Amino acid sequence: MYTFPVVEKYLKKIKNIEHIHPRKQRIVEKILKEIPVISVFGSSTRWDCNEKSDIDLLLDKNDIKMSKDEVFMKLVKIIDDNFDLLWKDEIEGKLNKYEKENILNRSIKLYER
């Protein structure tokens, strides 16, 4: 797990924000204003994140009190970047063991403190 500088002091209110690449920290903050708990995985959590990188989100229906459609519509409105959205309960049967473990073990859970 990488640790990055936090680009704005006010972002330190977000638990684990230091594990999100600085290019994606403000986007994460926008998302958390609408969706209280998210997990991020993929290049947004690594040094190889660049201006073309999307943001990969993993959501747990147990953490969110909205329908999947409501969540998706909120994300479309607030994220200017490309994003991928996976639901924890749906990856169980759809991904092979390596992919599933890679996502679950390397995702960073974020929420306001």
Protein backbone atom coordinates (compact mmCIF):
# COMPACT_ATOMS: atom_id res chain seq x y z
CA MET A 1 0.00 0.00 0.00
CA TYR A 2 1.43 3.34 -1.06
CA THR A 3 1.32 6.55 0.94
CA PHE A 4 1.00 9.83 -0.94
CA PRO A 5 1.07 13.48 0.08
CA VAL A 6 -2.40 14.88 0.76
CA VAL A 7 -2.99 17.74 -1.70
CA GLU A 8 -5.23 19.86 0.54
CA LYS A 9 -5.28 20.06 4.33
CA TYR A 10 -9.08 19.76 4.49
CA LEU A 11 -8.89 16.35 2.80
CA LYS A 12 -7.23 14.89 5.91
CA LYS A 13 -10.73 14.51 7.36
CA ILE A 14 -11.10 11.51 5.03
CA LYS A 15 -9.87 8.26 6.53
CA ASN A 16 -7.15 6.67 4.33
CA ILE A 17 -7.00 9.56 1.83
CA GLU A 18 -3.19 9.36 2.01
CA HIS A 19 -3.41 6.03 0.15
CA ILE A 20 -5.12 7.62 -2.86
CA HIS A 21 -2.98 9.18 -5.58
CA PRO A 22 -3.05 13.00 -5.39
CA ARG A 23 -4.62 13.17 -8.88
CA LYS A 24 -7.71 11.40 -7.50
CA GLN A 25 -8.02 12.79 -3.96
CA ARG A 26 -10.39 15.65 -4.84
CA ILE A 27 -12.59 13.29 -6.87
CA VAL A 28 -12.81 10.95 -3.88
CA GLU A 29 -13.86 13.88 -1.71
CA LYS A 30 -16.65 14.78 -4.18
CA ILE A 31 -17.88 11.20 -4.16
CA LEU A 32 -17.90 11.02 -0.36
CA LYS A 33 -20.16 14.07 -0.18
CA GLU A 34 -22.84 11.93 -1.86
CA ILE A 35 -21.90 8.36 -0.93
CA PRO A 36 -20.67 7.98 2.66
CA VAL A 37 -18.37 4.95 2.27
CA ILE A 38 -16.41 3.86 -0.79
CA SER A 39 -13.44 1.68 -1.55
CA VAL A 40 -10.97 2.56 -4.30
CA PHE A 41 -8.65 0.13 -6.05
CA GLY A 42 -6.50 0.00 -9.17
CA SER A 43 -4.18 2.71 -10.45
CA SER A 44 -5.75 5.39 -8.20
CA THR A 45 -3.98 3.68 -5.31
CA ARG A 46 -0.60 3.34 -7.03
CA TRP A 47 2.24 5.55 -8.28
CA ASP A 48 1.44 4.74 -11.93
CA CYS A 49 -1.78 6.80 -11.82
CA ASN A 50 -1.78 9.43 -14.58
CA GLU A 51 -4.12 11.93 -16.26
CA LYS A 52 -5.72 9.14 -18.32
CA SER A 53 -6.32 6.80 -15.38
CA ASP A 54 -9.90 6.07 -14.44
CA ILE A 55 -11.07 5.62 -10.88
CA ASP A 56 -12.06 2.11 -9.84
CA LEU A 57 -14.71 1.96 -7.12
CA LEU A 58 -15.87 -0.94 -5.02
CA LEU A 59 -19.08 -0.46 -3.06
CA ASP A 60 -20.66 -2.63 -0.40
CA LYS A 61 -24.47 -2.56 -0.32
CA ASN A 62 -24.27 -2.99 3.46
CA ASP A 63 -22.56 0.43 3.75
CA ILE A 64 -24.95 2.32 1.48
CA LYS A 65 -28.64 3.04 1.94
CA MET A 66 -29.38 3.68 -1.76
CA SER A 67 -30.19 1.48 -4.68
CA LYS A 68 -27.47 0.59 -7.15
CA ASP A 69 -29.20 2.74 -9.78
CA GLU A 70 -29.29 5.73 -7.42
CA VAL A 71 -25.60 5.35 -6.68
CA PHE A 72 -24.71 5.08 -10.37
CA MET A 73 -26.73 8.21 -11.25
CA LYS A 74 -25.05 10.19 -8.47
CA LEU A 75 -21.61 9.08 -9.67
CA VAL A 76 -22.35 10.03 -13.26
CA LYS A 77 -23.28 13.54 -12.11
CA ILE A 78 -20.26 14.15 -9.88
CA ILE A 79 -17.35 12.35 -11.53
CA ASP A 80 -15.83 14.10 -14.53
CA ASP A 81 -13.37 11.24 -15.06
CA ASN A 82 -13.99 7.75 -16.34
CA PHE A 83 -14.84 5.29 -13.61
CA ASP A 84 -15.53 1.63 -13.07
CA LEU A 85 -18.04 0.59 -10.45
CA LEU A 86 -18.10 -2.85 -8.86
CA TRP A 87 -20.34 -4.09 -6.08
CA LYS A 88 -18.80 -6.37 -3.48
CA ASP A 89 -21.71 -8.83 -3.54
CA GLU A 90 -21.55 -9.13 -7.32
CA ILE A 91 -17.84 -9.89 -7.68
CA GLU A 92 -18.12 -13.07 -5.63
CA GLY A 93 -19.33 -15.21 -8.52
CA LYS A 94 -18.17 -13.18 -11.52
CA LEU A 95 -14.42 -12.91 -11.07
CA ASN A 96 -11.80 -15.59 -10.75
CA LYS A 97 -10.17 -16.10 -7.35
CA TYR A 98 -7.06 -14.07 -8.23
CA GLU A 99 -9.04 -11.06 -9.53
CA LYS A 100 -11.42 -11.12 -6.59
CA GLU A 101 -8.67 -11.39 -3.98
CA ASN A 102 -6.63 -8.71 -5.75
CA ILE A 103 -9.54 -6.26 -5.60
CA LEU A 104 -10.67 -7.12 -2.08
CA ASN A 105 -7.18 -7.16 -0.57
CA ARG A 106 -5.89 -4.04 -2.30
CA SER A 107 -8.91 -1.77 -2.14
CA ILE A 108 -8.75 1.24 0.17
CA LYS A 109 -11.89 1.96 2.20
CA LEU A 110 -12.59 5.67 2.58
CA TYR A 111 -15.03 7.66 4.68
CA GLU A 112 -15.10 10.89 6.64
CA ARG A 113 -13.80 10.59 10.18
